[in-house]
PDB file of N, CA and C in Angstrom:
ATOM      1  N   MET A   1      90.412 107.597 -25.640  1.00  0.00           N
ATOM      2  CA  MET A   1      89.642 108.466 -24.680  1.00  0.00           C
ATOM      3  C   MET A   1      89.526 107.343 -23.373  1.00  0.00           C
ATOM      4  N   ASP A   2      89.152 107.528 -22.416  1.00  0.00           N
ATOM      5  CA  ASP A   2      89.466 106.893 -20.583  1.00  0.00           C
ATOM      6  C   ASP A   2      88.322 105.626 -21.269  1.00  0.00           C
ATOM      7  N   PRO A   3      88.679 104.718 -20.190  1.00  0.00           N
ATOM      8  CA  PRO A   3      87.522 103.178 -20.318  1.00  0.00           C
ATOM      9  C   PRO A   3      86.100 104.140 -19.802  1.00  0.00           C
ATOM     10  N   CYS A   4      85.159 102.911 -19.687  1.00  0.00           N
ATOM     11  CA  CYS A   4      83.936 104.077 -19.572  1.00  0.00           C
ATOM     12  C   CYS A   4      83.714 103.931 -17.811  1.00  0.00           C
ATOM     13  N   PRO A   5      83.262 104.984 -17.518  1.00  0.00           N
ATOM     14  CA  PRO A   5      83.063 105.213 -15.894  1.00  0.00           C
ATOM     15  C   PRO A   5      82.494 103.855 -15.328  1.00  0.00           C
ATOM     16  N   TRP A   6      81.454 103.441 -15.663  1.00  0.00           N
ATOM     17  CA  TRP A   6      80.765 102.583 -15.025  1.00  0.00           C
ATOM     18  C   TRP A   6      81.365 101.294 -14.821  1.00  0.00           C
ATOM     19  N   MET A   7      82.401 101.192 -15.474  1.00  0.00           N
ATOM     20  CA  MET A   7      83.461 100.078 -15.649  1.00  0.00           C
ATOM     21  C   MET A   7      84.186  99.654 -14.352  1.00  0.00           C
ATOM     22  N   THR A   8      84.057 100.972 -13.848  1.00  0.00           N
ATOM     23  CA  THR A   8      84.729 101.148 -12.345  1.00  0.00           C
ATOM     24  C   THR A   8      84.063 100.660 -11.122  1.00  0.00           C
ATOM     25  N   PHE A   9      82.691 100.848 -11.516  1.00  0.00           N
ATOM     26  CA  PHE A   9      81.469 100.196  -9.999  1.00  0.00           C
ATOM     27  C   PHE A   9      81.435  98.632 -10.473  1.00  0.00           C
ATOM     28  N   SER A  10      81.476  98.706  -8.986  1.00  0.00           N
ATOM     29  CA  SER A  10      80.809  97.127  -8.648  1.00  0.00           C
ATOM     30  C   SER A  10      79.605  96.537  -9.777  1.00  0.00           C
ATOM     31  N   GLN A  11      79.599  95.440  -9.686  1.00  0.00           N
ATOM     32  CA  GLN A  11      78.212  95.336 -10.384  1.00  0.00           C
ATOM     33  C   GLN A  11      76.661  95.316  -9.208  1.00  0.00           C
ATOM     34  N   GLU A  12      77.110  95.299  -8.008  1.00  0.00           N
ATOM     35  CA  GLU A  12      75.820  95.675  -7.053  1.00  0.00           C
ATOM     36  C   GLU A  12      75.820  97.180  -7.444  1.00  0.00           C
ATOM     37  N   THR A  13      76.451  97.781  -7.383  1.00  0.00           N
ATOM     38  CA  THR A  13      76.290  99.450  -7.132  1.00  0.00           C
ATOM     39  C   THR A  13      75.769  99.733  -8.477  1.00  0.00           C
ATOM     40  N   LEU A  14      76.069  99.137  -9.937  1.00  0.00           N
ATOM     41  CA  LEU A  14      75.684  99.087 -11.035  1.00  0.00           C
ATOM     42  C   LEU A  14      73.729  98.807 -11.023  1.00  0.00           C
ATOM     43  N   LEU A  15      73.668  97.671 -10.290  1.00  0.00           N
ATOM     44  CA  LEU A  15      72.262  97.179 -10.127  1.00  0.00           C
ATOM     45  C   LEU A  15      71.127  97.816  -9.312  1.00  0.00           C
ATOM     46  N   SER A  16      71.895  98.540  -8.404  1.00  0.00           N
ATOM     47  CA  SER A  16      71.380  99.611  -7.457  1.00  0.00           C
ATOM     48  C   SER A  16      71.284 100.812  -8.154  1.00  0.00           C
ATOM     49  N   MET A  17      71.659 101.231  -8.913  1.00  0.00           N
ATOM     50  CA  MET A  17      71.877 102.726  -9.770  1.00  0.00           C
ATOM     51  C   MET A  17      70.502 102.428 -10.780  1.00  0.00           C
ATOM     52  N   ASN A  18      69.919 104.064 -10.891  1.00  0.00           N
ATOM     53  CA  ASN A  18      68.836 104.316 -11.601  1.00  0.00           C
ATOM     54  C   ASN A  18      69.336 104.323 -12.872  1.00  0.00           C
ATOM     55  N   VAL A  19      69.078 103.812 -14.103  1.00  0.00           N
ATOM     56  CA  VAL A  19      69.808 103.921 -15.556  1.00  0.00           C
ATOM     57  C   VAL A  19      69.544 105.415 -15.820  1.00  0.00           C
ATOM     58  N   SER A  20      68.653 106.230 -15.383  1.00  0.00           N
ATOM     59  CA  SER A  20      68.678 107.170 -15.584  1.00  0.00           C
ATOM     60  C   SER A  20      69.579 108.270 -15.404  1.00  0.00           C
ATOM     61  N   THR A  21      69.940 108.267 -13.687  1.00  0.00           N
ATOM     62  CA  THR A  21      70.838 108.492 -12.718  1.00  0.00           C
ATOM     63  C   THR A  21      72.196 108.498 -13.391  1.00  0.00           C
ATOM     64  N   LEU A  22      72.321 107.373 -13.867  1.00  0.00           N
ATOM     65  CA  LEU A  22      73.613 106.958 -14.705  1.00  0.00           C
ATOM     66  C   LEU A  22      74.015 107.566 -15.695  1.00  0.00           C
ATOM     67  N   PHE A  23      73.165 107.796 -16.504  1.00  0.00           N
ATOM     68  CA  PHE A  23      73.219 108.802 -17.712  1.00  0.00           C
ATOM     69  C   PHE A  23      73.734 109.910 -17.722  1.00  0.00           C
ATOM     70  N   LEU A  24      72.488 110.787 -16.621  1.00  0.00           N
ATOM     71  CA  LEU A  24      72.429 111.724 -16.585  1.00  0.00           C
ATOM     72  C   LEU A  24      74.076 112.201 -15.486  1.00  0.00           C
ATOM     73  N   ASN A  25      74.945 111.219 -15.106  1.00  0.00           N
ATOM     74  CA  ASN A  25      75.909 111.976 -14.536  1.00  0.00           C
ATOM     75  C   ASN A  25      76.926 111.610 -15.599  1.00  0.00           C
ATOM     76  N   LEU A  26      77.051 110.969 -16.700  1.00  0.00           N
ATOM     77  CA  LEU A  26      78.089 111.314 -17.797  1.00  0.00           C
ATOM     78  C   LEU A  26      77.636 111.762 -19.191  1.00  0.00           C
ATOM     79  N   THR A  27      78.604 112.436 -19.638  1.00  0.00           N
ATOM     80  CA  THR A  27      78.553 113.107 -20.581  1.00  0.00           C
ATOM     81  C   THR A  27      77.625 112.254 -22.311  1.00  0.00           C
ATOM     82  N   HIS A  28      77.092 113.017 -22.943  1.00  0.00           N
ATOM     83  CA  HIS A  28      76.336 112.412 -23.945  1.00  0.00           C
ATOM     84  C   HIS A  28      77.520 111.750 -24.664  1.00  0.00           C
ATOM     85  N   GLU A  29      78.837 111.700 -25.317  1.00  0.00           N
ATOM     86  CA  GLU A  29      79.382 111.308 -25.763  1.00  0.00           C
ATOM     87  C   GLU A  29      80.356 110.230 -25.211  1.00  0.00           C
ATOM     88  N   VAL A  30      80.654 110.611 -23.697  1.00  0.00           N
ATOM     89  CA  VAL A  30      81.198 109.219 -23.166  1.00  0.00           C
ATOM     90  C   VAL A  30      80.341 108.016 -23.021  1.00  0.00           C
ATOM     91  N   ALA A  31      78.621 108.399 -22.818  1.00  0.00           N
ATOM     92  CA  ALA A  31      77.941 107.057 -22.480  1.00  0.00           C
ATOM     93  C   ALA A  31      77.617 106.646 -23.873  1.00  0.00           C
ATOM     94  N   GLU A  32      77.356 107.656 -24.877  1.00  0.00           N
ATOM     95  CA  GLU A  32      77.526 106.848 -26.760  1.00  0.00           C
ATOM     96  C   GLU A  32      78.729 105.443 -26.852  1.00  0.00           C
ATOM     97  N   GLN A  33      79.976 106.437 -26.184  1.00  0.00           N
ATOM     98  CA  GLN A  33      81.026 105.533 -26.553  1.00  0.00           C
ATOM     99  C   GLN A  33      80.944 104.123 -25.819  1.00  0.00           C
ATOM    100  N   CYS A  34      80.607 104.384 -24.352  1.00  0.00           N
ATOM    101  CA  CYS A  34      80.538 103.239 -23.571  1.00  0.00           C
ATOM    102  C   CYS A  34      79.616 102.031 -23.969  1.00  0.00           C
ATOM    103  N   VAL A  35      78.219 102.912 -24.379  1.00  0.00           N
ATOM    104  CA  VAL A  35      77.240 101.496 -25.060  1.00  0.00           C
ATOM    105  C   VAL A  35      77.761 101.123 -26.397  1.00  0.00           C
ATOM    106  N   LYS A  36      78.792 101.779 -27.120  1.00  0.00           N
ATOM    107  CA  LYS A  36      79.251 101.358 -28.263  1.00  0.00           C
ATOM    108  C   LYS A  36      79.999 100.055 -27.779  1.00  0.00           C
ATOM    109  N   ASP A  37      81.040 100.482 -26.955  1.00  0.00           N
ATOM    110  CA  ASP A  37      81.956  99.337 -26.434  1.00  0.00           C
ATOM    111  C   ASP A  37      81.207  98.567 -25.867  1.00  0.00           C
ATOM    112  N   TYR A  38      80.601  97.927 -24.925  1.00  0.00           N
ATOM    113  CA  TYR A  38      79.652  97.347 -23.958  1.00  0.00           C
ATOM    114  C   TYR A  38      79.032  96.527 -25.384  1.00  0.00           C
ATOM    115  N   PHE A  39      78.013  97.009 -26.818  1.00  0.00           N
ATOM    116  CA  PHE A  39      77.264  96.234 -27.256  1.00  0.00           C
ATOM    117  C   PHE A  39      78.223  95.540 -28.195  1.00  0.00           C
ATOM    118  N   ARG A  40      79.674  95.951 -28.929  1.00  0.00           N
ATOM    119  CA  ARG A  40      80.575  95.402 -29.695  1.00  0.00           C
ATOM    120  C   ARG A  40      81.049  94.241 -28.941  1.00  0.00           C
ATOM    121  N   GLN A  41      80.693  93.722 -27.839  1.00  0.00           N
ATOM    122  CA  GLN A  41      81.361  92.611 -27.545  1.00  0.00           C
ATOM    123  C   GLN A  41      80.355  91.107 -28.168  1.00  0.00           C
ATOM    124  N   PHE A  42      79.170  91.859 -28.437  1.00  0.00           N
ATOM    125  CA  PHE A  42      77.781  90.848 -28.646  1.00  0.00           C
ATOM    126  C   PHE A  42      77.477  90.819 -30.419  1.00  0.00           C
ATOM    127  N   GLN A  43      78.589  91.719 -30.917  1.00  0.00           N
ATOM    128  CA  GLN A  43      78.421  91.548 -32.453  1.00  0.00           C
ATOM    129  C   GLN A  43      78.886  90.258 -32.954  1.00  0.00           C
ATOM    130  N   GLN A  44      78.573  89.778 -34.014  1.00  0.00           N
ATOM    131  CA  GLN A  44      79.114  88.824 -34.876  1.00  0.00           C
ATOM    132  C   GLN A  44      80.132  89.281 -35.076  1.00  0.00           C
ATOM    133  N   PRO A  45      81.483  88.155 -35.358  1.00  0.00           N
ATOM    134  CA  PRO A  45      82.380  88.970 -36.364  1.00  0.00           C
ATOM    135  C   PRO A  45      82.455  88.940 -37.703  1.00  0.00           C
ATOM    136  N   ARG A  46      83.188  89.873 -37.865  1.00  0.00           N
ATOM    137  CA  ARG A  46      82.936  90.093 -39.604  1.00  0.00           C
ATOM    138  C   ARG A  46      83.186  89.049 -40.412  1.00  0.00           C
ATOM    139  N   LEU A  47      82.637  88.664 -41.470  1.00  0.00           N
ATOM    140  CA  LEU A  47      83.019  87.483 -42.434  1.00  0.00           C
ATOM    141  C   LEU A  47      84.772  87.708 -42.969  1.00  0.00           C
ATOM    142  N   GLU A  48      84.837  88.709 -43.163  1.00  0.00           N
ATOM    143  CA  GLU A  48      86.255  88.918 -43.365  1.00  0.00           C
ATOM    144  C   GLU A  48      87.312  88.841 -42.874  1.00  0.00           C
ATOM    145  N   ASP A  49      87.018  88.929 -41.280  1.00  0.00           N
ATOM    146  CA  ASP A  49      88.074  88.590 -40.211  1.00  0.00           C
ATOM    147  C   ASP A  49      87.919  87.120 -40.098  1.00  0.00           C
ATOM    148  N   VAL A  50      86.834  86.592 -39.952  1.00  0.00           N
ATOM    149  CA  VAL A  50      86.922  85.246 -40.303  1.00  0.00           C
ATOM    150  C   VAL A  50      87.064  84.225 -41.594  1.00  0.00           C
ATOM    151  N   VAL A  51      87.049  84.599 -42.702  1.00  0.00           N
ATOM    152  CA  VAL A  51      87.796  84.157 -43.681  1.00  0.00           C
ATOM    153  C   VAL A  51      89.213  84.316 -43.642  1.00  0.00           C
ATOM    154  N   SER A  52      89.473  85.439 -43.341  1.00  0.00           N
ATOM    155  CA  SER A  52      91.253  85.905 -43.107  1.00  0.00           C
ATOM    156  C   SER A  52      91.502  84.741 -42.479  1.00  0.00           C
ATOM    157  N   SER A  53      91.023  84.655 -41.215  1.00  0.00           N
ATOM    158  CA  SER A  53      91.976  83.674 -39.955  1.00  0.00           C
ATOM    159  C   SER A  53      91.949  82.499 -40.399  1.00  0.00           C
ATOM    160  N   ASN A  54      90.796  81.836 -41.272  1.00  0.00           N
ATOM    161  CA  ASN A  54      90.621  80.255 -41.866  1.00  0.00           C
ATOM    162  C   ASN A  54      91.562  80.536 -42.592  1.00  0.00           C
ATOM    163  N   PHE A  55      91.757  81.319 -43.324  1.00  0.00           N
ATOM    164  CA  PHE A  55      92.408  81.377 -44.275  1.00  0.00           C
ATOM    165  C   PHE A  55      93.988  81.138 -43.938  1.00  0.00           C
ATOM    166  N   LEU A  56      94.636  81.570 -43.169  1.00  0.00           N
ATOM    167  CA  LEU A  56      95.766  81.702 -42.590  1.00  0.00           C
ATOM    168  C   LEU A  56      95.722  80.091 -41.689  1.00  0.00           C
ATOM    169  N   VAL A  57      94.852  80.022 -41.061  1.00  0.00           N
ATOM    170  CA  VAL A  57      95.245  78.672 -40.366  1.00  0.00           C
ATOM    171  C   VAL A  57      95.170  77.484 -41.558  1.00  0.00           C
ATOM    172  N   LEU A  58      94.447  77.311 -42.423  1.00  0.00           N
ATOM    173  CA  LEU A  58      94.569  76.515 -43.801  1.00  0.00           C
ATOM    174  C   LEU A  58      95.690  76.377 -44.192  1.00  0.00           C
ATOM    175  N   ASN A  59      96.703  77.653 -44.410  1.00  0.00           N
ATOM    176  CA  ASN A  59      97.669  77.832 -45.100  1.00  0.00           C
ATOM    177  C   ASN A  59      98.663  77.377 -44.107  1.00  0.00           C
ATOM    178  N   GLN A  60      98.889  77.204 -42.840  1.00  0.00           N
ATOM    179  CA  GLN A  60      99.919  76.832 -42.305  1.00  0.00           C
ATOM    180  C   GLN A  60      99.324  74.941 -42.257  1.00  0.00           C
ATOM    181  N   MET A  61      98.264  74.776 -42.167  1.00  0.00           N
ATOM    182  CA  MET A  61      97.929  73.295 -42.242  1.00  0.00           C
ATOM    183  C   MET A  61      98.507  72.570 -43.559  1.00  0.00           C
ATOM    184  N   LYS A  62      98.178  73.317 -44.837  1.00  0.00           N
ATOM    185  CA  LYS A  62      98.857  73.140 -46.000  1.00  0.00           C
ATOM    186  C   LYS A  62     100.480  72.914 -45.806  1.00  0.00           C
ATOM    187  N   THR A  63     101.154  73.440 -44.902  1.00  0.00           N
ATOM    188  CA  THR A  63     102.228  73.423 -45.329  1.00  0.00           C
ATOM    189  C   THR A  63     102.949  72.409 -44.663  1.00  0.00           C
ATOM    190  N   PHE A  64     102.601  71.834 -43.227  1.00  0.00           N
ATOM    191  CA  PHE A  64     102.687  70.382 -42.717  1.00  0.00           C
ATOM    192  C   PHE A  64     101.920  69.450 -43.141  1.00  0.00           C
ATOM    193  N   PHE A  65     100.698  69.479 -43.667  1.00  0.00           N
ATOM    194  CA  PHE A  65      99.713  68.338 -43.595  1.00  0.00           C
ATOM    195  C   PHE A  65     100.411  67.863 -44.959  1.00  0.00           C
ATOM    196  N   LEU A  66     100.117  68.532 -46.260  1.00  0.00           N
ATOM    197  CA  LEU A  66     100.393  68.045 -47.476  1.00  0.00           C
ATOM    198  C   LEU A  66     101.767  67.223 -47.695  1.00  0.00           C
ATOM    199  N   PRO A  67     102.795  67.287 -47.025  1.00  0.00           N
ATOM    200  CA  PRO A  67     104.032  66.911 -47.534  1.00  0.00           C
ATOM    201  C   PRO A  67     103.969  65.526 -46.676  1.00  0.00           C
ATOM    202  N   ILE A  68     103.491  65.255 -45.400  1.00  0.00           N
ATOM    203  CA  ILE A  68     103.268  64.273 -44.481  1.00  0.00           C
ATOM    204  C   ILE A  68     102.243  63.144 -44.909  1.00  0.00           C
ATOM    205  N   THR A  69     101.024  63.779 -45.433  1.00  0.00           N
ATOM    206  CA  THR A  69     100.044  62.484 -46.367  1.00  0.00           C
ATOM    207  C   THR A  69     100.556  62.465 -47.593  1.00  0.00           C
ATOM    208  N   CYS A  70     101.386  62.889 -48.796  1.00  0.00           N
ATOM    209  CA  CYS A  70     102.298  62.952 -49.451  1.00  0.00           C
ATOM    210  C   CYS A  70     103.262  61.335 -49.128  1.00  0.00           C
ATOM    211  N   ALA A  71     103.853  61.724 -47.975  1.00  0.00           N
ATOM    212  CA  ALA A  71     104.590  60.712 -47.644  1.00  0.00           C
ATOM    213  C   ALA A  71     104.129  59.506 -47.095  1.00  0.00           C
ATOM    214  N   LEU A  72     103.142  59.545 -46.685  1.00  0.00           N
ATOM    215  CA  LEU A  72     102.361  58.200 -45.866  1.00  0.00           C
ATOM    216  C   LEU A  72     101.899  57.808 -47.389  1.00  0.00           C
ATOM    217  N   GLY A  73     100.837  58.264 -48.024  1.00  0.00           N
ATOM    218  CA  GLY A  73     100.556  58.078 -49.142  1.00  0.00           C
ATOM    219  C   GLY A  73     101.504  56.967 -50.299  1.00  0.00           C
ATOM    220  N   PHE A  74     102.618  57.645 -49.771  1.00  0.00           N
ATOM    221  CA  PHE A  74     103.700  56.892 -51.304  1.00  0.00           C
ATOM    222  C   PHE A  74     104.294  55.505 -50.226  1.00  0.00           C
ATOM    223  N   VAL A  75     104.166  55.772 -49.245  1.00  0.00           N
ATOM    224  CA  VAL A  75     105.055  54.581 -48.685  1.00  0.00           C
ATOM    225  C   VAL A  75     103.879  53.200 -48.562  1.00  0.00           C
ATOM    226  N   GLY A  76     102.323  53.712 -48.541  1.00  0.00           N
ATOM    227  CA  GLY A  76     101.464  52.964 -48.341  1.00  0.00           C
ATOM    228  C   GLY A  76     100.947  51.999 -49.806  1.00  0.00           C
ATOM    229  N   ASN A  77     101.051  53.020 -50.622  1.00  0.00           N
ATOM    230  CA  ASN A  77     100.692  52.564 -52.400  1.00  0.00           C
ATOM    231  C   ASN A  77     101.998  51.605 -52.651  1.00  0.00           C
ATOM    232  N   VAL A  78     103.165  52.035 -52.457  1.00  0.00           N
ATOM    233  CA  VAL A  78     104.423  51.390 -52.991  1.00  0.00           C
ATOM    234  C   VAL A  78     104.245  49.616 -52.082  1.00  0.00           C
ATOM    235  N   THR A  79     104.034  50.156 -50.642  1.00  0.00           N
ATOM    236  CA  THR A  79     103.759  48.714 -49.530  1.00  0.00           C
ATOM    237  C   THR A  79     102.526  47.913 -50.683  1.00  0.00           C
ATOM    238  N   SER A  80     101.535  48.836 -50.709  1.00  0.00           N
ATOM    239  CA  SER A  80     100.222  47.676 -51.413  1.00  0.00           C
ATOM    240  C   SER A  80     100.701  47.162 -52.655  1.00  0.00           C
ATOM    241  N   THR A  81     101.330  47.840 -53.510  1.00  0.00           N
ATOM    242  CA  THR A  81     102.032  47.455 -54.872  1.00  0.00           C
ATOM    243  C   THR A  81     103.067  45.981 -54.804  1.00  0.00           C
ATOM    244  N   ALA A  82     104.082  46.233 -53.637  1.00  0.00           N
ATOM    245  CA  ALA A  82     104.784  45.258 -53.616  1.00  0.00           C
ATOM    246  C   ALA A  82     103.908  43.749 -53.103  1.00  0.00           C
ATOM    247  N   ILE A  83     102.748  43.862 -52.368  1.00  0.00           N
ATOM    248  CA  ILE A  83     102.210  42.937 -51.673  1.00  0.00           C
ATOM    249  C   ILE A  83     100.936  42.505 -53.256  1.00  0.00           C
ATOM    250  N   PHE A  84     100.401  43.521 -53.868  1.00  0.00           N
ATOM    251  CA  PHE A  84      99.816  42.373 -54.921  1.00  0.00           C
ATOM    252  C   PHE A  84     100.595  42.299 -55.942  1.00  0.00           C
ATOM    253  N   LEU A  85     101.805  42.534 -56.223  1.00  0.00           N
ATOM    254  CA  LEU A  85     102.884  42.057 -56.920  1.00  0.00           C
ATOM    255  C   LEU A  85     103.682  40.156 -56.302  1.00  0.00           C
ATOM    256  N   THR A  86     103.312  40.025 -55.388  1.00  0.00           N
ATOM    257  CA  THR A  86     103.520  38.683 -55.055  1.00  0.00           C
ATOM    258  C   THR A  86     102.798  37.397 -55.955  1.00  0.00           C
ATOM    259  N   LYS A  87     103.556  36.142 -55.588  1.00  0.00           N
ATOM    260  CA  LYS A  87     103.277  35.303 -56.664  1.00  0.00           C
ATOM    261  C   LYS A  87     101.635  34.708 -56.179  1.00  0.00           C
ATOM    262  N   SER A  88     101.632  34.577 -54.684  1.00  0.00           N
ATOM    263  CA  SER A  88     100.312  34.241 -54.435  1.00  0.00           C
ATOM    264  C   SER A  88      98.997  35.566 -54.919  1.00  0.00           C
ATOM    265  N   MET A  89      99.366  36.112 -54.795  1.00  0.00           N
ATOM    266  CA  MET A  89      98.240  37.395 -55.337  1.00  0.00           C
ATOM    267  C   MET A  89      98.096  37.609 -56.786  1.00  0.00           C
ATOM    268  N   ARG A  90      99.022  37.566 -57.999  1.00  0.00           N
ATOM    269  CA  ARG A  90      98.594  37.247 -59.080  1.00  0.00           C
ATOM    270  C   ARG A  90      97.981  36.695 -59.601  1.00  0.00           C
ATOM    271  N   ARG A  91      97.342  35.727 -58.927  1.00  0.00           N
ATOM    272  CA  ARG A  91      96.725  34.749 -59.430  1.00  0.00           C
ATOM    273  C   ARG A  91      95.252  35.259 -59.551  1.00  0.00           C
ATOM    274  N   LYS A  92      95.073  35.869 -58.687  1.00  0.00           N
ATOM    275  CA  LYS A  92      93.388  36.738 -58.491  1.00  0.00           C
ATOM    276  C   LYS A  92      93.254  37.760 -59.462  1.00  0.00           C
ATOM    277  N   SER A  93      91.998  37.780 -60.257  1.00  0.00           N
ATOM    278  CA  SER A  93      91.658  38.976 -61.359  1.00  0.00           C
ATOM    279  C   SER A  93      91.508  39.936 -61.052  1.00  0.00           C
ATOM    280  N   CYS A  94      91.409  40.380 -59.827  1.00  0.00           N
ATOM    281  CA  CYS A  94      91.082  42.054 -59.469  1.00  0.00           C
ATOM    282  C   CYS A  94      92.551  42.474 -59.205  1.00  0.00           C
ATOM    283  N   ILE A  95      93.088  41.969 -59.056  1.00  0.00           N
ATOM    284  CA  ILE A  95      94.977  42.681 -58.237  1.00  0.00           C
ATOM    285  C   ILE A  95      95.377  43.511 -59.207  1.00  0.00           C
ATOM    286  N   ALA A  96      95.073  43.306 -60.718  1.00  0.00           N
ATOM    287  CA  ALA A  96      95.692  43.893 -61.816  1.00  0.00           C
ATOM    288  C   ALA A  96      94.946  45.065 -61.657  1.00  0.00           C
ATOM    289  N   TYR A  97      93.648  45.128 -61.615  1.00  0.00           N
ATOM    290  CA  TYR A  97      92.449  46.721 -61.288  1.00  0.00           C
ATOM    291  C   TYR A  97      93.542  46.981 -59.631  1.00  0.00           C
ATOM    292  N   LEU A  98      93.684  46.738 -58.848  1.00  0.00           N
ATOM    293  CA  LEU A  98      94.329  47.464 -57.922  1.00  0.00           C
ATOM    294  C   LEU A  98      95.744  47.710 -57.640  1.00  0.00           C
ATOM    295  N   THR A  99      96.706  46.667 -58.345  1.00  0.00           N
ATOM    296  CA  THR A  99      98.144  47.331 -58.632  1.00  0.00           C
ATOM    297  C   THR A  99      97.955  48.684 -59.277  1.00  0.00           C
ATOM    298  N   THR A 100      97.237  49.013 -60.623  1.00  0.00           N
ATOM    299  CA  THR A 100      96.860  49.838 -61.480  1.00  0.00           C
ATOM    300  C   THR A 100      96.714  51.009 -60.474  1.00  0.00           C
ATOM    301  N   LYS A 101      95.729  50.955 -59.970  1.00  0.00           N
ATOM    302  CA  LYS A 101      95.222  51.780 -58.873  1.00  0.00           C
ATOM    303  C   LYS A 101      96.396  52.401 -58.135  1.00  0.00           C
ATOM    304  N   CYS A 102      97.072  51.395 -57.051  1.00  0.00           N
ATOM    305  CA  CYS A 102      98.069  52.025 -56.466  1.00  0.00           C
ATOM    306  C   CYS A 102      99.193  52.885 -57.021  1.00  0.00           C
ATOM    307  N   LEU A 103      99.537  52.255 -58.404  1.00  0.00           N
ATOM    308  CA  LEU A 103     100.307  52.647 -59.253  1.00  0.00           C
ATOM    309  C   LEU A 103      99.977  53.970 -59.848  1.00  0.00           C
ATOM    310  N   THR A 104      98.878  54.138 -60.040  1.00  0.00           N
ATOM    311  CA  THR A 104      98.245  55.579 -60.437  1.00  0.00           C
ATOM    312  C   THR A 104      98.319  56.683 -59.155  1.00  0.00           C
ATOM    313  N   ASP A 105      97.903  56.221 -57.993  1.00  0.00           N
ATOM    314  CA  ASP A 105      98.075  56.960 -56.904  1.00  0.00           C
ATOM    315  C   ASP A 105      99.517  57.533 -56.660  1.00  0.00           C
ATOM    316  N   THR A 106     100.078  56.727 -56.831  1.00  0.00           N
ATOM    317  CA  THR A 106     101.432  56.882 -56.218  1.00  0.00           C
ATOM    318  C   THR A 106     102.223  57.909 -57.082  1.00  0.00           C
ATOM    319  N   PHE A 107     101.981  57.745 -58.665  1.00  0.00           N
ATOM    320  CA  PHE A 107     102.244  59.303 -59.306  1.00  0.00           C
ATOM    321  C   PHE A 107     101.492  60.608 -59.244  1.00  0.00           C
ATOM    322  N   PHE A 108      99.912  60.020 -58.878  1.00  0.00           N
ATOM    323  CA  PHE A 108      99.614  61.340 -58.287  1.00  0.00           C
ATOM    324  C   PHE A 108      99.951  62.126 -56.939  1.00  0.00           C
ATOM    325  N   LEU A 109     100.469  61.155 -56.218  1.00  0.00           N
ATOM    326  CA  LEU A 109     101.036  61.909 -55.253  1.00  0.00           C
ATOM    327  C   LEU A 109     102.242  62.671 -54.799  1.00  0.00           C
ATOM    328  N   LEU A 110     103.538  61.765 -55.893  1.00  0.00           N
ATOM    329  CA  LEU A 110     104.683  62.437 -56.514  1.00  0.00           C
ATOM    330  C   LEU A 110     104.350  64.023 -57.077  1.00  0.00           C
ATOM    331  N   ALA A 111     103.785  63.990 -58.077  1.00  0.00           N
ATOM    332  CA  ALA A 111     103.590  64.874 -58.651  1.00  0.00           C
ATOM    333  C   ALA A 111     102.555  66.165 -57.730  1.00  0.00           C
ATOM    334  N   LEU A 112     102.279  65.905 -57.097  1.00  0.00           N
ATOM    335  CA  LEU A 112     101.505  66.296 -55.865  1.00  0.00           C
ATOM    336  C   LEU A 112     102.536  67.484 -54.990  1.00  0.00           C
ATOM    337  N   PHE A 113     103.351  66.244 -54.941  1.00  0.00           N
ATOM    338  CA  PHE A 113     104.663  66.917 -53.854  1.00  0.00           C
ATOM    339  C   PHE A 113     105.619  67.301 -54.540  1.00  0.00           C
ATOM    340  N   ILE A 114     106.098  67.557 -55.713  1.00  0.00           N
ATOM    341  CA  ILE A 114     106.344  68.120 -56.355  1.00  0.00           C
ATOM    342  C   ILE A 114     106.456  69.541 -56.865  1.00  0.00           C
ATOM    343  N   LEU A 115     105.043  69.527 -56.991  1.00  0.00           N
ATOM    344  CA  LEU A 115     104.053  70.952 -57.037  1.00  0.00           C
ATOM    345  C   LEU A 115     103.952  71.624 -55.743  1.00  0.00           C
ATOM    346  N   TRP A 116     103.837  71.040 -54.462  1.00  0.00           N
ATOM    347  CA  TRP A 116     104.333  71.560 -53.337  1.00  0.00           C
ATOM    348  C   TRP A 116     105.540  72.295 -53.124  1.00  0.00           C
ATOM    349  N   LEU A 117     106.755  71.392 -53.762  1.00  0.00           N
ATOM    350  CA  LEU A 117     108.094  71.973 -53.369  1.00  0.00           C
ATOM    351  C   LEU A 117     107.833  73.219 -54.395  1.00  0.00           C
ATOM    352  N   GLU A 118     107.436  73.179 -55.130  1.00  0.00           N
ATOM    353  CA  GLU A 118     107.955  74.790 -55.878  1.00  0.00           C
ATOM    354  C   GLU A 118     107.278  75.790 -55.938  1.00  0.00           C
ATOM    355  N   ARG A 119     106.099  75.775 -54.785  1.00  0.00           N
ATOM    356  CA  ARG A 119     105.531  76.767 -54.308  1.00  0.00           C
ATOM    357  C   ARG A 119     106.109  77.856 -53.568  1.00  0.00           C
TER     358      ARG A 119
END
């Protein structure tokens, strides 16, 4: 169907026209379609469209974000473990807990990265 006939008018012309004059000059079908097209721009997006577009964005982010996070976390945990195992740090009692946490986090990130590779 052709675009709405009043879309070709300037805004000043539309404001000066009487609403009844405008609709009397158009057929009922064209007017109904034009009104639907006009109000469609004010409708909220459907939830399915938003969810599917958000899913696509998150899926793309997962492609790049997960391996980068795993790599940075792995490097940070290995560095922290190396620092915690130095002679001066081993004297403190909490270092055993922190070293254990770094090692378990490293194994978790390694497992997460392996799962990411398999998908």
